[in-house]
Amino acid sequence: MGSLARFVGRQLARYLAREVHVHGTAPPTPVQWLRDTLVPGDVLLIEGHSRFSTAIKYLTQSTWSHAALFVGREALVGQDGIENLCFIEADVQMGVRAVGLDLFAPHHTRICRPVGLLAADRQALIQHAVAQLGRQYDLRNVIDLARYLFPTPPVPARFRRRMLSLGSGDPTKAICSTLIAQAFQAIGYPVLPEVRLMNRNDPLCPDCQDEIYMVRHHSLFAPRDFDVSPYFDIVKPTLRQGFDFHGVQWGDLTTPAATNHVTLTTGFDR
């Protein structure tokens, strides 16, 4: 990219990263609950509140606008001289960086957990992600996304995902879901591959077919793919804290104020 394009990209990134008032679809999970639940290799999906998040959520028709990989504190000891770093993410302004859990405290989140990772697999996954630290965010992707915010046009659903892959494709750059998808692809773990049925060509079993997994290009992945993937468990900290619906205290529906608003408390300190 030329110097003018980089300047425009940086200015757009600064504008798009600015937080705006957005009502989340659910309240944030207490940080301590997340801390007690997360294990290295988990993908944390975030419902962001920035202009950039609005574009991602529109183009993917999803709640989730950002993704970060939990690698644990041990993997990031000494990074930037900051304690409590435990995630790798690709930030629109700062590029690929290590961050702490508190960064996501104000946001509605979801934990997606890969199933069946061996210790060696988990270590290879984390090492691949940590090796990307310092890479730039794909500013060309920022320019592409910005076109769909001024104003947001009606875009057919079949074209939206392709719009996320309009970046430069430079391997030294990354967007959040691309970064994580590449890490999982590096260890051969499927996120949301294309699955094709191929005839086995076995004369003893003429009707037998095998499922062949086709690797999708990493630029086509979006945060929502980790949510809908059949290969990731959805882990909910609220349930891990011993939720029991018998302890739910419902608001009094007979009061005039409660006809327009119902307060739900669970007995947990939120």
C-alpha atoms as a PDB file:
ATOM      1  CA  MET A   1       0.000   0.000   0.000  1.00  0.00           C
ATOM      2  CA  GLY A   2       1.211   3.512  -0.731  1.00  0.00           C
ATOM      3  CA  SER A   3       1.780   6.152   1.895  1.00  0.00           C
ATOM      4  CA  LEU A   4      -1.536   7.859   1.081  1.00  0.00           C
ATOM      5  CA  ALA A   5      -3.460   4.602   1.426  1.00  0.00           C
ATOM      6  CA  ARG A   6      -1.737   3.862   4.747  1.00  0.00           C
ATOM      7  CA  PHE A   7      -2.614   7.335   6.021  1.00  0.00           C
ATOM      8  CA  VAL A   8      -6.256   6.937   4.964  1.00  0.00           C
ATOM      9  CA  GLY A   9      -6.333   3.466   6.510  1.00  0.00           C
ATOM     10  CA  ARG A  10      -4.989   4.723   9.841  1.00  0.00           C
ATOM     11  CA  GLN A  11      -7.497   7.570   9.961  1.00  0.00           C
ATOM     12  CA  LEU A  12     -10.361   5.244   9.134  1.00  0.00           C
ATOM     13  CA  ALA A  13      -9.157   2.736  11.721  1.00  0.00           C
ATOM     14  CA  ARG A  14      -9.150   5.448  14.385  1.00  0.00           C
ATOM     15  CA  TYR A  15     -12.664   6.526  13.401  1.00  0.00           C
ATOM     16  CA  LEU A  16     -14.080   3.000  13.162  1.00  0.00           C
ATOM     17  CA  ALA A  17     -12.526   1.891  16.463  1.00  0.00           C
ATOM     18  CA  ARG A  18     -14.325   4.613  18.393  1.00  0.00           C
ATOM     19  CA  GLU A  19     -16.907   3.250  20.811  1.00  0.00           C
ATOM     20  CA  VAL A  20     -20.540   4.164  20.195  1.00  0.00           C
ATOM     21  CA  HIS A  21     -23.615   3.555  22.345  1.00  0.00           C
ATOM     22  CA  VAL A  22     -24.997   0.146  21.431  1.00  0.00           C
ATOM     23  CA  HIS A  23     -27.374  -1.997  23.461  1.00  0.00           C
ATOM     24  CA  GLY A  24     -25.869  -5.468  23.828  1.00  0.00           C
ATOM     25  CA  THR A  25     -27.981  -8.562  23.310  1.00  0.00           C
ATOM     26  CA  ALA A  26     -27.064  -9.841  26.801  1.00  0.00           C
ATOM     27  CA  PRO A  27     -25.259  -8.545  29.905  1.00  0.00           C
ATOM     28  CA  PRO A  28     -21.507  -9.071  30.287  1.00  0.00           C
ATOM     29  CA  THR A  29     -20.317 -12.142  32.149  1.00  0.00           C
ATOM     30  CA  PRO A  30     -18.455 -11.313  35.386  1.00  0.00           C
ATOM     31  CA  VAL A  31     -14.709 -11.320  34.755  1.00  0.00           C
ATOM     32  CA  GLN A  32     -14.029 -13.750  37.587  1.00  0.00           C
ATOM     33  CA  TRP A  33     -16.448 -16.252  36.068  1.00  0.00           C
ATOM     34  CA  LEU A  34     -14.639 -15.997  32.746  1.00  0.00           C
ATOM     35  CA  ARG A  35     -11.280 -16.351  34.470  1.00  0.00           C
ATOM     36  CA  ASP A  36     -12.457 -19.500  36.273  1.00  0.00           C
ATOM     37  CA  THR A  37     -13.798 -21.044  33.050  1.00  0.00           C
ATOM     38  CA  LEU A  38     -11.271 -20.267  30.305  1.00  0.00           C
ATOM     39  CA  VAL A  39      -8.556 -22.755  29.352  1.00  0.00           C
ATOM     40  CA  PRO A  40      -5.723 -22.218  26.832  1.00  0.00           C
ATOM     41  CA  GLY A  41      -6.962 -22.762  23.291  1.00  0.00           C
ATOM     42  CA  ASP A  42     -10.425 -21.294  23.923  1.00  0.00           C
ATOM     43  CA  VAL A  43     -11.763 -18.710  21.485  1.00  0.00           C
ATOM     44  CA  LEU A  44     -13.557 -15.795  23.100  1.00  0.00           C
ATOM     45  CA  LEU A  45     -16.149 -14.095  20.896  1.00  0.00           C
ATOM     46  CA  ILE A  46     -16.992 -10.487  21.696  1.00  0.00           C
ATOM     47  CA  GLU A  47     -20.009  -8.340  20.906  1.00  0.00           C
ATOM     48  CA  GLY A  48     -18.232  -5.062  20.260  1.00  0.00           C
ATOM     49  CA  HIS A  49     -19.623  -1.538  20.493  1.00  0.00           C
ATOM     50  CA  SER A  50     -17.544   0.300  17.896  1.00  0.00           C
ATOM     51  CA  ARG A  51     -18.395   1.460  14.385  1.00  0.00           C
ATOM     52  CA  PHE A  52     -16.101  -1.249  13.105  1.00  0.00           C
ATOM     53  CA  SER A  53     -18.101  -3.821  15.061  1.00  0.00           C
ATOM     54  CA  THR A  54     -21.270  -2.578  13.409  1.00  0.00           C
ATOM     55  CA  ALA A  55     -19.830  -3.352   9.974  1.00  0.00           C
ATOM     56  CA  ILE A  56     -18.670  -6.838  10.983  1.00  0.00           C
ATOM     57  CA  LYS A  57     -22.006  -7.718  12.578  1.00  0.00           C
ATOM     58  CA  TYR A  58     -23.903  -6.459   9.535  1.00  0.00           C
ATOM     59  CA  LEU A  59     -21.796  -8.294   6.973  1.00  0.00           C
ATOM     60  CA  THR A  60     -21.862 -11.564   8.937  1.00  0.00           C
ATOM     61  CA  GLN A  61     -25.444 -11.170  10.242  1.00  0.00           C
ATOM     62  CA  SER A  62     -24.174 -12.143  13.666  1.00  0.00           C
ATOM     63  CA  THR A  63     -23.968 -10.946  17.249  1.00  0.00           C
ATOM     64  CA  TRP A  64     -20.198 -11.390  17.270  1.00  0.00           C
ATOM     65  CA  SER A  65     -17.839  -8.767  15.874  1.00  0.00           C
ATOM     66  CA  HIS A  66     -14.482  -9.795  17.334  1.00  0.00           C
ATOM     67  CA  ALA A  67     -12.572 -12.884  18.401  1.00  0.00           C
ATOM     68  CA  ALA A  68      -9.550 -13.417  20.642  1.00  0.00           C
ATOM     69  CA  LEU A  69      -7.550 -16.554  21.416  1.00  0.00           C
ATOM     70  CA  PHE A  70      -6.965 -17.394  25.082  1.00  0.00           C
ATOM     71  CA  VAL A  71      -3.376 -18.589  25.437  1.00  0.00           C
ATOM     72  CA  GLY A  72      -2.926 -18.249  29.201  1.00  0.00           C
ATOM     73  CA  ARG A  73      -0.544 -16.106  31.209  1.00  0.00           C
ATOM     74  CA  GLU A  74       2.424 -18.478  30.987  1.00  0.00           C
ATOM     75  CA  ALA A  75       2.608 -18.159  27.206  1.00  0.00           C
ATOM     76  CA  LEU A  76       2.953 -14.378  27.420  1.00  0.00           C
ATOM     77  CA  VAL A  77       5.294 -13.900  30.374  1.00  0.00           C
ATOM     78  CA  GLY A  78       7.477 -10.887  29.723  1.00  0.00           C
ATOM     79  CA  GLN A  79       5.468  -9.534  26.799  1.00  0.00           C
ATOM     80  CA  ASP A  80       5.590  -5.723  26.894  1.00  0.00           C
ATOM     81  CA  GLY A  81       6.474  -5.901  30.584  1.00  0.00           C
ATOM     82  CA  ILE A  82       2.774  -6.122  31.457  1.00  0.00           C
ATOM     83  CA  GLU A  83       1.306  -8.670  33.836  1.00  0.00           C
ATOM     84  CA  ASN A  84      -1.918 -10.637  33.376  1.00  0.00           C
ATOM     85  CA  LEU A  85      -1.756 -10.787  29.569  1.00  0.00           C
ATOM     86  CA  CYS A  86      -3.580 -13.906  28.423  1.00  0.00           C
ATOM     87  CA  PHE A  87      -5.147 -13.281  24.982  1.00  0.00           C
ATOM     88  CA  ILE A  88      -3.856 -12.834  21.435  1.00  0.00           C
ATOM     89  CA  GLU A  89      -6.007 -10.572  19.281  1.00  0.00           C
ATOM     90  CA  ALA A  90      -5.762  -8.495  16.103  1.00  0.00           C
ATOM     91  CA  ASP A  91      -6.727  -4.913  16.918  1.00  0.00           C
ATOM     92  CA  VAL A  92      -7.756  -2.545  14.141  1.00  0.00           C
ATOM     93  CA  GLN A  93      -5.341   0.131  15.343  1.00  0.00           C
ATOM     94  CA  MET A  94      -2.590  -1.718  17.223  1.00  0.00           C
ATOM     95  CA  GLY A  95      -2.301  -4.841  15.086  1.00  0.00           C
ATOM     96  CA  VAL A  96      -1.689  -8.298  16.575  1.00  0.00           C
ATOM     97  CA  ARG A  97      -1.100  -7.866  20.293  1.00  0.00           C
ATOM     98  CA  ALA A  98      -1.385  -9.500  23.708  1.00  0.00           C
ATOM     99  CA  VAL A  99      -4.132  -8.246  26.021  1.00  0.00           C
ATOM    100  CA  GLY A 100      -5.682  -9.081  29.377  1.00  0.00           C
ATOM    101  CA  LEU A 101      -9.153 -10.306  30.232  1.00  0.00           C
ATOM    102  CA  ASP A 102     -10.220  -6.951  31.690  1.00  0.00           C
ATOM    103  CA  LEU A 103     -10.313  -5.490  28.163  1.00  0.00           C
ATOM    104  CA  PHE A 104     -13.427  -7.542  27.430  1.00  0.00           C
ATOM    105  CA  ALA A 105     -15.150  -7.007  30.782  1.00  0.00           C
ATOM    106  CA  PRO A 106     -17.759  -4.503  29.464  1.00  0.00           C
ATOM    107  CA  HIS A 107     -18.847  -6.764  26.599  1.00  0.00           C
ATOM    108  CA  HIS A 108     -21.167  -9.675  26.067  1.00  0.00           C
ATOM    109  CA  THR A 109     -18.936 -12.667  25.274  1.00  0.00           C
ATOM    110  CA  ARG A 110     -19.055 -16.346  24.380  1.00  0.00           C
ATOM    111  CA  ILE A 111     -16.474 -19.075  24.954  1.00  0.00           C
ATOM    112  CA  CYS A 112     -15.914 -21.535  22.100  1.00  0.00           C
ATOM    113  CA  ARG A 113     -13.760 -24.518  23.055  1.00  0.00           C
ATOM    114  CA  PRO A 114     -12.035 -26.895  20.597  1.00  0.00           C
ATOM    115  CA  VAL A 115     -12.590 -30.537  21.466  1.00  0.00           C
ATOM    116  CA  GLY A 116      -9.967 -33.244  21.776  1.00  0.00           C
ATOM    117  CA  LEU A 117      -6.780 -31.191  21.712  1.00  0.00           C
ATOM    118  CA  LEU A 118      -3.737 -33.045  23.027  1.00  0.00           C
ATOM    119  CA  ALA A 119      -1.178 -31.159  25.089  1.00  0.00           C
ATOM    120  CA  ALA A 120       1.135 -31.017  22.053  1.00  0.00           C
ATOM    121  CA  ASP A 121      -1.688 -29.701  19.854  1.00  0.00           C
ATOM    122  CA  ARG A 122      -2.516 -26.985  22.355  1.00  0.00           C
ATOM    123  CA  GLN A 123       1.109 -25.963  22.633  1.00  0.00           C
ATOM    124  CA  ALA A 124       1.531 -25.789  18.849  1.00  0.00           C
ATOM    125  CA  LEU A 125      -1.651 -23.717  18.540  1.00  0.00           C
ATOM    126  CA  ILE A 126      -0.468 -21.227  21.136  1.00  0.00           C
ATOM    127  CA  GLN A 127       3.045 -21.006  19.709  1.00  0.00           C
ATOM    128  CA  HIS A 128       1.672 -20.238  16.259  1.00  0.00           C
ATOM    129  CA  ALA A 129      -0.515 -17.440  17.633  1.00  0.00           C
ATOM    130  CA  VAL A 130       2.240 -15.930  19.784  1.00  0.00           C
ATOM    131  CA  ALA A 131       4.558 -15.892  16.752  1.00  0.00           C
ATOM    132  CA  GLN A 132       2.156 -13.465  15.036  1.00  0.00           C
ATOM    133  CA  LEU A 133       2.589 -10.741  17.675  1.00  0.00           C
ATOM    134  CA  GLY A 134       3.518  -7.414  16.150  1.00  0.00           C
ATOM    135  CA  ARG A 135       1.930  -7.983  12.774  1.00  0.00           C
ATOM    136  CA  GLN A 136      -0.170  -5.196  11.346  1.00  0.00           C
ATOM    137  CA  TYR A 137      -3.914  -5.139  10.897  1.00  0.00           C
ATOM    138  CA  ASP A 138      -4.844  -5.290   7.225  1.00  0.00           C
ATOM    139  CA  LEU A 139      -5.647  -1.621   6.621  1.00  0.00           C
ATOM    140  CA  ARG A 140      -6.936  -2.363   3.153  1.00  0.00           C
ATOM    141  CA  ASN A 141      -9.597  -4.465   4.817  1.00  0.00           C
ATOM    142  CA  VAL A 142     -10.524  -1.413   6.924  1.00  0.00           C
ATOM    143  CA  ILE A 143     -11.003   0.688   3.793  1.00  0.00           C
ATOM    144  CA  ASP A 144     -13.162  -2.019   2.237  1.00  0.00           C
ATOM    145  CA  LEU A 145     -15.354  -2.348   5.325  1.00  0.00           C
ATOM    146  CA  ALA A 146     -15.778   1.406   5.642  1.00  0.00           C
ATOM    147  CA  ARG A 147     -17.616   1.501   2.336  1.00  0.00           C
ATOM    148  CA  TYR A 148     -20.507  -0.350   3.928  1.00  0.00           C
ATOM    149  CA  LEU A 149     -21.037   2.211   6.697  1.00  0.00           C
ATOM    150  CA  PHE A 150     -21.675   5.432   4.755  1.00  0.00           C
ATOM    151  CA  PRO A 151     -24.548   4.512   4.728  1.00  0.00           C
ATOM    152  CA  THR A 152     -24.948   0.759   5.084  1.00  0.00           C
ATOM    153  CA  PRO A 153     -26.430  -0.527   1.808  1.00  0.00           C
ATOM    154  CA  PRO A 154     -28.720  -3.538   1.356  1.00  0.00           C
ATOM    155  CA  VAL A 155     -26.220  -6.240   0.410  1.00  0.00           C
ATOM    156  CA  PRO A 156     -27.441  -9.737  -0.560  1.00  0.00           C
ATOM    157  CA  ALA A 157     -26.470 -12.278   2.073  1.00  0.00           C
ATOM    158  CA  ARG A 158     -24.528 -14.449  -0.378  1.00  0.00           C
ATOM    159  CA  PHE A 159     -22.068 -11.605  -1.007  1.00  0.00           C
ATOM    160  CA  ARG A 160     -21.452 -10.451   2.575  1.00  0.00           C
ATOM    161  CA  ARG A 161     -18.835 -12.998   3.561  1.00  0.00           C
ATOM    162  CA  ARG A 162     -16.814 -12.289   0.428  1.00  0.00           C
ATOM    163  CA  MET A 163     -16.689  -8.632   1.424  1.00  0.00           C
ATOM    164  CA  LEU A 164     -14.646  -9.594   4.465  1.00  0.00           C
ATOM    165  CA  SER A 165     -11.905 -11.044   2.269  1.00  0.00           C
ATOM    166  CA  LEU A 166     -11.172  -7.918   0.241  1.00  0.00           C
ATOM    167  CA  GLY A 167      -7.992  -7.139   2.129  1.00  0.00           C
ATOM    168  CA  SER A 168      -4.506  -7.250   0.699  1.00  0.00           C
ATOM    169  CA  GLY A 169      -3.902 -10.912   1.526  1.00  0.00           C
ATOM    170  CA  ASP A 170      -0.450  -9.935   2.773  1.00  0.00           C
ATOM    171  CA  PRO A 171       0.671 -12.719   5.167  1.00  0.00           C
ATOM    172  CA  THR A 172       2.294 -10.124   7.441  1.00  0.00           C
ATOM    173  CA  LYS A 173      -1.134  -8.634   8.130  1.00  0.00           C
ATOM    174  CA  ALA A 174      -4.201 -10.090   9.808  1.00  0.00           C
ATOM    175  CA  ILE A 175      -7.781  -9.571  10.915  1.00  0.00           C
ATOM    176  CA  CYS A 176      -9.055 -11.118  14.143  1.00  0.00           C
ATOM    177  CA  SER A 177     -10.826 -14.204  12.789  1.00  0.00           C
ATOM    178  CA  THR A 178      -8.152 -14.796  10.133  1.00  0.00           C
ATOM    179  CA  LEU A 179      -5.445 -14.813  12.792  1.00  0.00           C
ATOM    180  CA  ILE A 180      -7.218 -17.477  14.860  1.00  0.00           C
ATOM    181  CA  ALA A 181      -8.360 -19.559  11.882  1.00  0.00           C
ATOM    182  CA  GLN A 182      -4.765 -19.762  10.632  1.00  0.00           C
ATOM    183  CA  ALA A 183      -3.592 -20.954  14.046  1.00  0.00           C
ATOM    184  CA  PHE A 184      -6.126 -23.791  14.063  1.00  0.00           C
ATOM    185  CA  GLN A 185      -5.404 -24.674  10.450  1.00  0.00           C
ATOM    186  CA  ALA A 186      -1.708 -24.883  11.360  1.00  0.00           C
ATOM    187  CA  ILE A 187      -2.454 -27.852  13.659  1.00  0.00           C
ATOM    188  CA  GLY A 188      -5.026 -29.403  11.312  1.00  0.00           C
ATOM    189  CA  TYR A 189      -8.051 -28.576  13.475  1.00  0.00           C
ATOM    190  CA  PRO A 190     -11.262 -27.813  11.506  1.00  0.00           C
ATOM    191  CA  VAL A 191     -13.193 -24.612  12.157  1.00  0.00           C
ATOM    192  CA  LEU A 192     -15.846 -24.581   9.453  1.00  0.00           C
ATOM    193  CA  PRO A 193     -14.443 -26.472   6.457  1.00  0.00           C
ATOM    194  CA  GLU A 194     -16.235 -27.382   3.278  1.00  0.00           C
ATOM    195  CA  VAL A 195     -17.180 -31.056   3.537  1.00  0.00           C
ATOM    196  CA  ARG A 196     -17.578 -33.006   0.306  1.00  0.00           C
ATOM    197  CA  LEU A 197     -18.763 -36.574  -0.180  1.00  0.00           C
ATOM    198  CA  MET A 198     -16.452 -38.597  -2.419  1.00  0.00           C
ATOM    199  CA  ASN A 199     -17.125 -42.091  -3.755  1.00  0.00           C
ATOM    200  CA  ARG A 200     -14.745 -44.589  -2.239  1.00  0.00           C
ATOM    201  CA  ASN A 201     -14.440 -46.549  -5.511  1.00  0.00           C
ATOM    202  CA  ASP A 202     -14.464 -49.789  -3.588  1.00  0.00           C
ATOM    203  CA  PRO A 203     -15.861 -52.654  -5.712  1.00  0.00           C
ATOM    204  CA  LEU A 204     -16.939 -54.392  -2.491  1.00  0.00           C
ATOM    205  CA  CYS A 205     -18.913 -51.321  -1.403  1.00  0.00           C
ATOM    206  CA  PRO A 206     -20.140 -49.413  -4.473  1.00  0.00           C
ATOM    207  CA  ASP A 207     -22.325 -47.075  -2.411  1.00  0.00           C
ATOM    208  CA  CYS A 208     -19.687 -46.191   0.186  1.00  0.00           C
ATOM    209  CA  GLN A 209     -18.618 -42.564   0.426  1.00  0.00           C
ATOM    210  CA  ASP A 210     -16.000 -40.729   2.435  1.00  0.00           C
ATOM    211  CA  GLU A 211     -16.230 -37.238   3.904  1.00  0.00           C
ATOM    212  CA  ILE A 212     -13.368 -35.131   2.560  1.00  0.00           C
ATOM    213  CA  TYR A 213     -12.615 -31.858   4.374  1.00  0.00           C
ATOM    214  CA  MET A 214     -11.631 -29.001   2.088  1.00  0.00           C
ATOM    215  CA  VAL A 215      -9.612 -26.164   3.627  1.00  0.00           C
ATOM    216  CA  ARG A 216     -11.285 -22.789   3.234  1.00  0.00           C
ATOM    217  CA  HIS A 217      -9.104 -19.773   2.641  1.00  0.00           C
ATOM    218  CA  HIS A 218      -8.344 -18.126   5.974  1.00  0.00           C
ATOM    219  CA  SER A 219      -9.568 -14.717   4.760  1.00  0.00           C
ATOM    220  CA  LEU A 220     -13.131 -16.054   4.524  1.00  0.00           C
ATOM    221  CA  PHE A 221     -13.499 -16.734   8.241  1.00  0.00           C
ATOM    222  CA  ALA A 222     -15.609 -14.516  10.475  1.00  0.00           C
ATOM    223  CA  PRO A 223     -16.019 -14.509  14.287  1.00  0.00           C
ATOM    224  CA  ARG A 224     -19.404 -16.214  14.019  1.00  0.00           C
ATOM    225  CA  ASP A 225     -17.809 -19.297  12.429  1.00  0.00           C
ATOM    226  CA  PHE A 226     -16.422 -20.399  15.780  1.00  0.00           C
ATOM    227  CA  ASP A 227     -19.939 -20.127  17.234  1.00  0.00           C
ATOM    228  CA  VAL A 228     -21.669 -22.187  14.527  1.00  0.00           C
ATOM    229  CA  SER A 229     -18.806 -24.661  14.048  1.00  0.00           C
ATOM    230  CA  PRO A 230     -19.772 -28.248  14.967  1.00  0.00           C
ATOM    231  CA  TYR A 231     -16.227 -28.793  16.255  1.00  0.00           C
ATOM    232  CA  PHE A 232     -16.299 -26.262  19.123  1.00  0.00           C
ATOM    233  CA  ASP A 233     -18.171 -26.594  22.396  1.00  0.00           C
ATOM    234  CA  ILE A 234     -20.068 -23.547  23.653  1.00  0.00           C
ATOM    235  CA  VAL A 235     -19.061 -23.078  27.292  1.00  0.00           C
ATOM    236  CA  LYS A 236     -21.254 -20.835  29.450  1.00  0.00           C
ATOM    237  CA  PRO A 237     -19.699 -19.628  32.710  1.00  0.00           C
ATOM    238  CA  THR A 238     -23.110 -18.947  34.265  1.00  0.00           C
ATOM    239  CA  LEU A 239     -23.963 -22.647  34.094  1.00  0.00           C
ATOM    240  CA  ARG A 240     -20.502 -23.593  35.365  1.00  0.00           C
ATOM    241  CA  GLN A 241     -21.193 -21.502  38.472  1.00  0.00           C
ATOM    242  CA  GLY A 242     -23.967 -23.907  39.488  1.00  0.00           C
ATOM    243  CA  PHE A 243     -27.032 -22.148  38.060  1.00  0.00           C
ATOM    244  CA  ASP A 244     -30.313 -23.475  39.452  1.00  0.00           C
ATOM    245  CA  PHE A 245     -33.513 -21.982  38.095  1.00  0.00           C
ATOM    246  CA  HIS A 246     -35.284 -22.827  41.361  1.00  0.00           C
ATOM    247  CA  GLY A 247     -33.357 -19.962  42.940  1.00  0.00           C
ATOM    248  CA  VAL A 248     -34.475 -17.363  40.400  1.00  0.00           C
ATOM    249  CA  GLN A 249     -36.288 -14.412  41.987  1.00  0.00           C
ATOM    250  CA  TRP A 250     -38.753 -12.934  39.512  1.00  0.00           C
ATOM    251  CA  GLY A 251     -40.021  -9.399  39.748  1.00  0.00           C
ATOM    252  CA  ASP A 252     -43.596  -8.807  40.931  1.00  0.00           C
ATOM    253  CA  LEU A 253     -45.676  -8.698  37.742  1.00  0.00           C
ATOM    254  CA  THR A 254     -48.667  -7.233  39.601  1.00  0.00           C
ATOM    255  CA  THR A 255     -47.039  -3.842  40.160  1.00  0.00           C
ATOM    256  CA  PRO A 256     -47.674  -1.110  37.546  1.00  0.00           C
ATOM    257  CA  ALA A 257     -43.968  -0.548  36.901  1.00  0.00           C
ATOM    258  CA  ALA A 258     -43.383  -4.233  36.297  1.00  0.00           C
ATOM    259  CA  THR A 259     -45.854  -4.312  33.417  1.00  0.00           C
ATOM    260  CA  ASN A 260     -43.228  -2.590  31.276  1.00  0.00           C
ATOM    261  CA  HIS A 261     -40.105  -3.999  32.879  1.00  0.00           C
ATOM    262  CA  VAL A 262     -39.271  -7.244  34.644  1.00  0.00           C
ATOM    263  CA  THR A 263     -36.229  -7.554  36.876  1.00  0.00           C
ATOM    264  CA  LEU A 264     -34.559 -10.946  37.051  1.00  0.00           C
ATOM    265  CA  THR A 265     -32.068 -11.770  39.774  1.00  0.00           C
ATOM    266  CA  THR A 266     -30.395 -15.130  40.196  1.00  0.00           C
ATOM    267  CA  GLY A 267     -28.787 -14.801  43.588  1.00  0.00           C
ATOM    268  CA  PHE A 268     -25.342 -14.510  41.949  1.00  0.00           C
ATOM    269  CA  ASP A 269     -23.269 -11.390  42.428  1.00  0.00           C
ATOM    270  CA  ARG A 270     -23.221  -9.884  38.937  1.00  0.00           C
END
